[in-house]
Amino acid sequence: MRIIGSRIYLRRLKIEDLNDIIVMESDPEVMLFTSFRRALTPQEIENRLYKTLTRSGEQIKLGVWGVFSLSDDSFVGWSMLEDTNQPFLEIGYMLPRHRWGYGYATEIVVCLKSYAFSQLNQPGLWAITQSKNHASIAVLCKCDFVFSHNLSYDLQVYQCLNAQQII
């Protein structure tokens, strides 16, 4: 299954994506606003990818997808749409630093939001970000997410409701 945007497509991650993910997740600046808050080792990244690949097989319509350029199939990052036992599905994304500032994060959120609302008929979505991650907060707000509540001293929840389901 693929989710297609104007410049990108999302597809299930494969083991062949490991090298691109290692480059991205071993970058301390990329990992600064993640739950790890540090660069990961290649072994940690490989273990995470194997767990993701196993879980993705169990979640046919949800999971983690690689994000790739439609023009040249190059790696743009990864994205997720997962059931985390919250009121709404959670979305997330990560981009290598050389992809920052080109609108890819916004396009990923638009693709995931469209898929969740039109194909999965979800009532809403959640995104969790650190309060200091101003770039991610700006992307979410641009995509009609609004601040919902603080999850902890530095984690914030943003939500977007499906306008088709609001009465």
N, C-alpha and C. Protein backbone atom coordinates (compact mmCIF):
# COMPACT_ATOMS: atom_id res chain seq x y z
N MET A 1 0.84 -1.18 0.00
CA MET A 1 0.00 0.00 0.00
C MET A 1 0.88 1.24 0.00
N ARG A 2 0.48 2.22 -0.76
CA ARG A 2 1.18 3.49 -0.82
C ARG A 2 0.20 4.63 -0.54
N ILE A 3 0.72 5.65 0.10
CA ILE A 3 0.00 6.91 0.29
C ILE A 3 0.78 7.92 -0.54
N ILE A 4 0.11 8.61 -1.44
CA ILE A 4 0.80 9.47 -2.39
C ILE A 4 0.42 10.94 -2.17
N GLY A 5 1.43 11.78 -2.09
CA GLY A 5 1.25 13.22 -1.98
C GLY A 5 1.66 13.89 -3.28
N SER A 6 1.86 15.19 -3.24
CA SER A 6 2.22 15.90 -4.46
C SER A 6 3.69 15.70 -4.84
N ARG A 7 4.57 15.54 -3.84
CA ARG A 7 6.00 15.34 -4.12
C ARG A 7 6.56 14.06 -3.50
N ILE A 8 5.78 13.40 -2.66
CA ILE A 8 6.27 12.25 -1.90
C ILE A 8 5.30 11.09 -1.98
N TYR A 9 5.80 9.92 -1.62
CA TYR A 9 4.93 8.79 -1.37
C TYR A 9 5.40 8.09 -0.11
N LEU A 10 4.46 7.47 0.58
CA LEU A 10 4.73 6.73 1.80
C LEU A 10 4.50 5.26 1.50
N ARG A 11 5.43 4.43 1.92
CA ARG A 11 5.30 2.98 1.77
C ARG A 11 5.89 2.33 3.00
N ARG A 12 5.55 1.08 3.20
CA ARG A 12 6.09 0.34 4.33
C ARG A 12 7.61 0.37 4.29
N LEU A 13 8.20 0.51 5.46
CA LEU A 13 9.65 0.43 5.54
C LEU A 13 10.12 -0.98 5.19
N LYS A 14 11.33 -1.06 4.68
CA LYS A 14 11.96 -2.34 4.34
C LYS A 14 13.34 -2.36 4.97
N ILE A 15 13.90 -3.53 5.12
CA ILE A 15 15.25 -3.65 5.67
C ILE A 15 16.25 -2.89 4.80
N GLU A 16 15.96 -2.78 3.51
CA GLU A 16 16.84 -2.04 2.60
C GLU A 16 16.92 -0.54 2.93
N ASP A 17 16.00 -0.05 3.75
CA ASP A 17 16.01 1.37 4.14
C ASP A 17 16.94 1.64 5.32
N LEU A 18 17.55 0.59 5.86
CA LEU A 18 18.34 0.72 7.08
C LEU A 18 19.43 1.78 6.97
N ASN A 19 20.20 1.79 5.91
CA ASN A 19 21.31 2.76 5.81
C ASN A 19 20.83 4.20 5.87
N ASP A 20 19.72 4.50 5.19
CA ASP A 20 19.18 5.87 5.24
C ASP A 20 18.71 6.21 6.65
N ILE A 21 18.11 5.25 7.33
CA ILE A 21 17.62 5.50 8.68
C ILE A 21 18.79 5.68 9.64
N ILE A 22 19.87 4.90 9.44
CA ILE A 22 21.06 5.06 10.29
C ILE A 22 21.62 6.47 10.14
N VAL A 23 21.74 6.97 8.92
CA VAL A 23 22.24 8.33 8.72
C VAL A 23 21.37 9.33 9.47
N MET A 24 20.06 9.17 9.38
CA MET A 24 19.14 10.11 10.00
C MET A 24 19.17 10.01 11.53
N GLU A 25 19.01 8.81 12.07
CA GLU A 25 18.85 8.65 13.51
C GLU A 25 20.17 8.66 14.28
N SER A 26 21.29 8.69 13.59
CA SER A 26 22.57 8.83 14.27
C SER A 26 23.01 10.30 14.32
N ASP A 27 22.17 11.19 13.81
CA ASP A 27 22.44 12.63 13.83
C ASP A 27 21.86 13.21 15.13
N PRO A 28 22.73 13.74 16.02
CA PRO A 28 22.24 14.27 17.30
C PRO A 28 21.21 15.38 17.15
N GLU A 29 21.34 16.20 16.11
CA GLU A 29 20.40 17.30 15.93
C GLU A 29 19.01 16.79 15.52
N VAL A 30 18.98 15.76 14.70
CA VAL A 30 17.70 15.16 14.30
C VAL A 30 17.02 14.53 15.53
N MET A 31 17.81 13.91 16.38
CA MET A 31 17.27 13.16 17.50
C MET A 31 16.99 14.02 18.75
N LEU A 32 17.36 15.29 18.70
CA LEU A 32 17.23 16.18 19.86
C LEU A 32 15.83 16.20 20.45
N PHE A 33 14.79 16.26 19.61
CA PHE A 33 13.42 16.38 20.10
C PHE A 33 12.67 15.06 20.10
N THR A 34 13.37 13.95 20.06
CA THR A 34 12.73 12.64 20.16
C THR A 34 12.73 12.19 21.61
N SER A 35 12.07 11.09 21.88
CA SER A 35 12.07 10.56 23.25
C SER A 35 13.46 10.10 23.67
N PHE A 36 14.33 9.80 22.72
CA PHE A 36 15.70 9.39 23.04
C PHE A 36 16.57 10.57 23.45
N ARG A 37 16.36 11.71 22.79
CA ARG A 37 17.11 12.94 23.04
C ARG A 37 18.61 12.79 22.83
N ARG A 38 18.97 11.79 22.04
CA ARG A 38 20.37 11.57 21.71
C ARG A 38 20.45 10.78 20.41
N ALA A 39 21.59 10.84 19.78
CA ALA A 39 21.80 10.03 18.58
C ALA A 39 21.81 8.56 18.97
N LEU A 40 21.30 7.73 18.09
CA LEU A 40 21.29 6.29 18.34
C LEU A 40 22.49 5.64 17.65
N THR A 41 22.90 4.51 18.18
CA THR A 41 23.98 3.75 17.54
C THR A 41 23.39 2.96 16.38
N PRO A 42 24.22 2.58 15.43
CA PRO A 42 23.71 1.76 14.32
C PRO A 42 23.02 0.48 14.81
N GLN A 43 23.52 -0.15 15.85
CA GLN A 43 22.88 -1.36 16.37
C GLN A 43 21.51 -1.06 16.95
N GLU A 44 21.37 0.04 17.68
CA GLU A 44 20.06 0.43 18.23
C GLU A 44 19.07 0.70 17.10
N ILE A 45 19.54 1.36 16.06
CA ILE A 45 18.68 1.69 14.93
C ILE A 45 18.24 0.42 14.21
N GLU A 46 19.16 -0.50 14.00
CA GLU A 46 18.82 -1.76 13.35
C GLU A 46 17.80 -2.54 14.18
N ASN A 47 17.98 -2.59 15.50
CA ASN A 47 17.03 -3.28 16.37
C ASN A 47 15.65 -2.63 16.30
N ARG A 48 15.62 -1.28 16.30
CA ARG A 48 14.33 -0.57 16.19
C ARG A 48 13.64 -0.87 14.88
N LEU A 49 14.41 -0.90 13.79
CA LEU A 49 13.82 -1.18 12.48
C LEU A 49 13.24 -2.59 12.45
N TYR A 50 13.96 -3.57 12.98
CA TYR A 50 13.43 -4.94 13.00
C TYR A 50 12.12 -5.01 13.79
N LYS A 51 12.06 -4.33 14.94
CA LYS A 51 10.82 -4.30 15.73
C LYS A 51 9.69 -3.63 14.94
N THR A 52 10.03 -2.55 14.25
CA THR A 52 9.04 -1.83 13.45
C THR A 52 8.52 -2.71 12.32
N LEU A 53 9.42 -3.41 11.66
CA LEU A 53 9.01 -4.28 10.55
C LEU A 53 8.10 -5.40 11.05
N THR A 54 8.38 -5.93 12.21
CA THR A 54 7.54 -6.99 12.79
C THR A 54 6.17 -6.45 13.15
N ARG A 55 6.14 -5.28 13.81
CA ARG A 55 4.87 -4.67 14.20
C ARG A 55 4.05 -4.25 13.00
N SER A 56 4.71 -3.71 11.98
CA SER A 56 3.99 -3.22 10.79
C SER A 56 3.21 -4.35 10.11
N GLY A 57 3.72 -5.55 10.18
CA GLY A 57 3.01 -6.68 9.60
C GLY A 57 1.71 -6.98 10.31
N GLU A 58 1.66 -6.62 11.60
CA GLU A 58 0.45 -6.87 12.39
C GLU A 58 -0.59 -5.77 12.19
N GLN A 59 -0.16 -4.60 11.79
CA GLN A 59 -1.05 -3.45 11.65
C GLN A 59 -1.19 -3.11 10.17
N ILE A 60 -2.12 -3.76 9.51
CA ILE A 60 -2.24 -3.60 8.07
C ILE A 60 -2.45 -2.15 7.65
N LYS A 61 -3.35 -1.45 8.33
CA LYS A 61 -3.68 -0.08 7.92
C LYS A 61 -2.92 0.98 8.70
N LEU A 62 -2.24 0.58 9.76
CA LEU A 62 -1.49 1.52 10.59
C LEU A 62 -0.02 1.13 10.56
N GLY A 63 0.81 1.92 11.21
CA GLY A 63 2.21 1.55 11.33
C GLY A 63 3.14 2.66 10.92
N VAL A 64 4.35 2.25 10.55
CA VAL A 64 5.41 3.18 10.19
C VAL A 64 5.71 3.01 8.71
N TRP A 65 5.81 4.14 8.00
CA TRP A 65 6.09 4.13 6.58
C TRP A 65 7.36 4.92 6.30
N GLY A 66 8.10 4.47 5.31
CA GLY A 66 9.17 5.29 4.78
C GLY A 66 8.56 6.34 3.88
N VAL A 67 9.21 7.48 3.80
CA VAL A 67 8.75 8.58 2.94
C VAL A 67 9.82 8.79 1.87
N PHE A 68 9.38 8.84 0.61
CA PHE A 68 10.31 8.91 -0.51
C PHE A 68 9.85 9.95 -1.52
N SER A 69 10.81 10.49 -2.24
CA SER A 69 10.54 11.48 -3.27
C SER A 69 9.92 10.80 -4.48
N LEU A 70 8.85 11.39 -5.00
CA LEU A 70 8.25 10.88 -6.23
C LEU A 70 9.18 11.07 -7.43
N SER A 71 10.00 12.11 -7.40
CA SER A 71 10.83 12.41 -8.56
C SER A 71 12.02 11.48 -8.73
N ASP A 72 12.60 11.00 -7.61
CA ASP A 72 13.81 10.17 -7.76
C ASP A 72 13.88 9.00 -6.76
N ASP A 73 12.81 8.74 -6.04
CA ASP A 73 12.75 7.65 -5.07
C ASP A 73 13.74 7.79 -3.92
N SER A 74 14.31 8.96 -3.70
CA SER A 74 15.26 9.14 -2.60
C SER A 74 14.52 9.22 -1.26
N PHE A 75 15.22 8.84 -0.22
CA PHE A 75 14.68 8.80 1.14
C PHE A 75 14.44 10.21 1.65
N VAL A 76 13.23 10.46 2.14
CA VAL A 76 12.87 11.76 2.69
C VAL A 76 12.69 11.67 4.20
N GLY A 77 12.43 10.47 4.74
CA GLY A 77 12.24 10.30 6.17
C GLY A 77 11.31 9.14 6.46
N TRP A 78 10.76 9.13 7.66
CA TRP A 78 9.74 8.14 7.97
C TRP A 78 8.57 8.84 8.62
N SER A 79 7.43 8.16 8.61
CA SER A 79 6.22 8.70 9.21
C SER A 79 5.48 7.57 9.90
N MET A 80 4.59 7.92 10.81
CA MET A 80 3.84 6.88 11.50
C MET A 80 2.40 7.31 11.74
N LEU A 81 1.56 6.33 11.80
CA LEU A 81 0.17 6.48 12.19
C LEU A 81 -0.12 5.25 13.04
N GLU A 82 -0.21 5.45 14.36
CA GLU A 82 -0.30 4.30 15.26
C GLU A 82 -1.37 4.50 16.32
N ASP A 83 -1.91 3.37 16.75
CA ASP A 83 -2.85 3.34 17.86
C ASP A 83 -2.03 3.20 19.14
N THR A 84 -1.99 4.26 19.93
CA THR A 84 -1.21 4.25 21.16
C THR A 84 -2.13 4.25 22.39
N ASN A 85 -3.33 3.70 22.22
CA ASN A 85 -4.31 3.60 23.30
C ASN A 85 -4.69 4.97 23.87
N GLN A 86 -4.76 5.95 23.00
CA GLN A 86 -5.21 7.29 23.34
C GLN A 86 -6.55 7.52 22.64
N PRO A 87 -7.20 8.64 22.90
CA PRO A 87 -8.49 8.88 22.23
C PRO A 87 -8.41 8.87 20.70
N PHE A 88 -7.27 9.28 20.15
CA PHE A 88 -7.10 9.33 18.70
C PHE A 88 -5.82 8.62 18.30
N LEU A 89 -5.72 8.26 17.03
CA LEU A 89 -4.48 7.72 16.51
C LEU A 89 -3.40 8.80 16.61
N GLU A 90 -2.16 8.37 16.79
CA GLU A 90 -1.06 9.31 16.87
C GLU A 90 -0.29 9.33 15.56
N ILE A 91 0.04 10.54 15.10
CA ILE A 91 0.89 10.68 13.93
C ILE A 91 2.27 11.15 14.38
N GLY A 92 3.26 10.84 13.55
CA GLY A 92 4.61 11.30 13.82
C GLY A 92 5.42 11.24 12.54
N TYR A 93 6.57 11.87 12.57
CA TYR A 93 7.44 11.88 11.40
C TYR A 93 8.85 12.25 11.83
N MET A 94 9.81 11.88 11.01
CA MET A 94 11.20 12.27 11.22
C MET A 94 11.85 12.45 9.85
N LEU A 95 12.63 13.51 9.73
CA LEU A 95 13.32 13.82 8.47
C LEU A 95 14.81 13.99 8.73
N PRO A 96 15.64 13.53 7.80
CA PRO A 96 17.07 13.85 7.94
C PRO A 96 17.27 15.36 7.80
N ARG A 97 18.29 15.86 8.42
CA ARG A 97 18.50 17.31 8.48
C ARG A 97 18.54 17.97 7.10
N HIS A 98 19.09 17.32 6.10
CA HIS A 98 19.17 17.95 4.77
C HIS A 98 17.80 18.08 4.09
N ARG A 99 16.75 17.50 4.70
CA ARG A 99 15.39 17.63 4.16
C ARG A 99 14.58 18.69 4.91
N TRP A 100 15.13 19.26 5.96
CA TRP A 100 14.43 20.28 6.73
C TRP A 100 14.25 21.55 5.89
N GLY A 101 13.12 22.22 6.11
CA GLY A 101 12.89 23.52 5.50
C GLY A 101 12.35 23.50 4.08
N TYR A 102 11.98 22.34 3.59
CA TYR A 102 11.47 22.24 2.22
C TYR A 102 10.00 21.86 2.14
N GLY A 103 9.31 21.87 3.27
CA GLY A 103 7.88 21.57 3.27
C GLY A 103 7.53 20.10 3.32
N TYR A 104 8.52 19.22 3.47
CA TYR A 104 8.23 17.79 3.49
C TYR A 104 7.42 17.38 4.72
N ALA A 105 7.75 17.94 5.88
CA ALA A 105 7.01 17.59 7.10
C ALA A 105 5.53 17.95 6.94
N THR A 106 5.27 19.12 6.39
CA THR A 106 3.88 19.53 6.17
C THR A 106 3.18 18.56 5.22
N GLU A 107 3.85 18.19 4.15
CA GLU A 107 3.24 17.28 3.19
C GLU A 107 2.98 15.90 3.81
N ILE A 108 3.89 15.45 4.67
CA ILE A 108 3.69 14.17 5.36
C ILE A 108 2.44 14.23 6.24
N VAL A 109 2.31 15.30 7.01
CA VAL A 109 1.15 15.44 7.89
C VAL A 109 -0.14 15.51 7.08
N VAL A 110 -0.12 16.25 5.98
CA VAL A 110 -1.30 16.34 5.11
C VAL A 110 -1.67 14.95 4.58
N CYS A 111 -0.69 14.19 4.13
CA CYS A 111 -0.95 12.83 3.62
C CYS A 111 -1.53 11.92 4.69
N LEU A 112 -0.93 11.92 5.87
CA LEU A 112 -1.41 11.06 6.96
C LEU A 112 -2.81 11.47 7.41
N LYS A 113 -3.03 12.77 7.49
CA LYS A 113 -4.34 13.28 7.90
C LYS A 113 -5.41 12.88 6.89
N SER A 114 -5.13 13.05 5.62
CA SER A 114 -6.08 12.68 4.58
C SER A 114 -6.38 11.18 4.62
N TYR A 115 -5.35 10.38 4.74
CA TYR A 115 -5.52 8.92 4.82
C TYR A 115 -6.35 8.53 6.05
N ALA A 116 -6.01 9.09 7.20
CA ALA A 116 -6.72 8.74 8.44
C ALA A 116 -8.19 9.15 8.39
N PHE A 117 -8.47 10.31 7.83
CA PHE A 117 -9.84 10.80 7.81
C PHE A 117 -10.67 10.20 6.68
N SER A 118 -10.10 10.10 5.50
CA SER A 118 -10.90 9.64 4.35
C SER A 118 -10.91 8.12 4.20
N GLN A 119 -9.79 7.45 4.48
CA GLN A 119 -9.74 6.00 4.31
C GLN A 119 -10.08 5.22 5.58
N LEU A 120 -9.66 5.75 6.73
CA LEU A 120 -9.88 5.03 8.00
C LEU A 120 -11.04 5.60 8.80
N ASN A 121 -11.60 6.72 8.34
CA ASN A 121 -12.75 7.35 8.99
C ASN A 121 -12.50 7.63 10.47
N GLN A 122 -11.31 8.11 10.78
CA GLN A 122 -10.95 8.41 12.16
C GLN A 122 -11.59 9.73 12.60
N PRO A 123 -12.01 9.84 13.86
CA PRO A 123 -12.62 11.08 14.34
C PRO A 123 -11.62 12.20 14.59
N GLY A 124 -10.35 11.83 14.78
CA GLY A 124 -9.34 12.84 15.06
C GLY A 124 -7.96 12.20 15.10
N LEU A 125 -6.96 13.06 15.21
CA LEU A 125 -5.57 12.62 15.30
C LEU A 125 -4.87 13.37 16.41
N TRP A 126 -3.84 12.74 16.97
CA TRP A 126 -2.98 13.35 17.97
C TRP A 126 -1.56 13.39 17.46
N ALA A 127 -0.84 14.39 17.88
CA ALA A 127 0.61 14.46 17.68
C ALA A 127 1.22 14.94 18.98
N ILE A 128 2.28 14.30 19.40
CA ILE A 128 2.95 14.67 20.64
C ILE A 128 4.32 15.23 20.27
N THR A 129 4.62 16.40 20.81
CA THR A 129 5.90 17.04 20.52
C THR A 129 6.42 17.74 21.77
N GLN A 130 7.70 17.97 21.78
CA GLN A 130 8.28 18.73 22.88
C GLN A 130 7.94 20.20 22.72
N SER A 131 7.72 20.85 23.84
CA SER A 131 7.32 22.26 23.81
C SER A 131 8.37 23.16 23.15
N LYS A 132 9.63 22.74 23.12
CA LYS A 132 10.69 23.54 22.50
C LYS A 132 10.87 23.22 21.01
N ASN A 133 10.11 22.28 20.49
CA ASN A 133 10.23 21.90 19.08
C ASN A 133 9.34 22.82 18.24
N HIS A 134 9.77 24.05 18.11
CA HIS A 134 8.95 25.08 17.46
C HIS A 134 8.67 24.77 15.99
N ALA A 135 9.61 24.15 15.31
CA ALA A 135 9.40 23.81 13.89
C ALA A 135 8.27 22.80 13.74
N SER A 136 8.26 21.78 14.59
CA SER A 136 7.21 20.77 14.50
C SER A 136 5.85 21.35 14.90
N ILE A 137 5.85 22.19 15.91
CA ILE A 137 4.60 22.84 16.33
C ILE A 137 4.05 23.70 15.18
N ALA A 138 4.91 24.41 14.48
CA ALA A 138 4.48 25.23 13.34
C ALA A 138 3.88 24.37 12.24
N VAL A 139 4.49 23.21 11.96
CA VAL A 139 3.95 22.29 10.95
C VAL A 139 2.56 21.83 11.36
N LEU A 140 2.42 21.41 12.61
CA LEU A 140 1.12 20.92 13.09
C LEU A 140 0.06 22.00 13.00
N CYS A 141 0.38 23.21 13.43
CA CYS A 141 -0.60 24.30 13.37
C CYS A 141 -0.97 24.64 11.93
N LYS A 142 -0.01 24.59 11.03
CA LYS A 142 -0.29 24.83 9.61
C LYS A 142 -1.27 23.79 9.06
N CYS A 143 -1.26 22.60 9.66
CA CYS A 143 -2.12 21.50 9.20
C CYS A 143 -3.38 21.36 10.05
N ASP A 144 -3.78 22.45 10.71
CA ASP A 144 -5.03 22.53 11.48
C ASP A 144 -5.04 21.74 12.78
N PHE A 145 -3.87 21.42 13.32
CA PHE A 145 -3.80 20.86 14.66
C PHE A 145 -3.80 22.01 15.65
N VAL A 146 -4.42 21.80 16.79
CA VAL A 146 -4.45 22.81 17.84
C VAL A 146 -3.94 22.19 19.14
N PHE A 147 -3.39 23.04 19.99
CA PHE A 147 -2.90 22.58 21.28
C PHE A 147 -4.06 21.97 22.06
N SER A 148 -3.84 20.80 22.62
CA SER A 148 -4.85 20.13 23.42
C SER A 148 -4.50 20.21 24.92
N HIS A 149 -3.32 19.70 25.28
CA HIS A 149 -2.92 19.71 26.68
C HIS A 149 -1.45 19.34 26.83
N ASN A 150 -0.93 19.60 28.02
CA ASN A 150 0.43 19.19 28.34
C ASN A 150 0.39 17.74 28.82
N LEU A 151 1.28 16.95 28.28
CA LEU A 151 1.38 15.55 28.68
C LEU A 151 2.33 15.41 29.86
N SER A 152 3.35 16.24 29.87
CA SER A 152 4.32 16.30 30.96
C SER A 152 4.90 17.70 30.96
N TYR A 153 5.95 17.90 31.73
CA TYR A 153 6.51 19.24 31.83
C TYR A 153 7.03 19.77 30.50
N ASP A 154 7.43 18.89 29.58
CA ASP A 154 7.94 19.38 28.30
C ASP A 154 7.30 18.75 27.07
N LEU A 155 6.30 17.92 27.26
CA LEU A 155 5.60 17.29 26.12
C LEU A 155 4.20 17.87 25.99
N GLN A 156 3.85 18.21 24.75
CA GLN A 156 2.54 18.78 24.47
C GLN A 156 1.81 17.91 23.46
N VAL A 157 0.49 17.85 23.63
CA VAL A 157 -0.36 17.12 22.70
C VAL A 157 -1.11 18.13 21.84
N TYR A 158 -1.06 17.90 20.53
CA TYR A 158 -1.83 18.68 19.57
C TYR A 158 -2.83 17.74 18.93
N GLN A 159 -4.02 18.23 18.64
CA GLN A 159 -5.02 17.37 18.02
C GLN A 159 -5.68 18.06 16.85
N CYS A 160 -6.20 17.22 15.96
CA CYS A 160 -6.93 17.70 14.80
C CYS A 160 -8.17 16.83 14.68
N LEU A 161 -9.33 17.45 14.63
CA LEU A 161 -10.58 16.71 14.52
C LEU A 161 -11.00 16.60 13.06
N ASN A 162 -11.63 15.50 12.75
CA ASN A 162 -12.15 15.25 11.42
C ASN A 162 -13.42 16.08 11.23
N ALA A 163 -13.35 17.11 10.39
CA ALA A 163 -14.48 18.02 10.19
C ALA A 163 -15.72 17.28 9.68
N GLN A 164 -15.54 16.16 8.98
CA GLN A 164 -16.66 15.39 8.47
C GLN A 164 -17.47 14.72 9.58
N GLN A 165 -16.86 14.58 10.75
CA GLN A 165 -17.54 13.90 11.84
C GLN A 165 -18.04 14.86 12.93
N ILE A 166 -17.82 16.16 12.75
CA ILE A 166 -18.28 17.14 13.73
C ILE A 166 -19.71 17.51 13.40
N ILE A 167 -20.58 17.38 14.37
CA ILE A 167 -22.02 17.68 14.15
C ILE A 167 -22.38 18.95 14.87
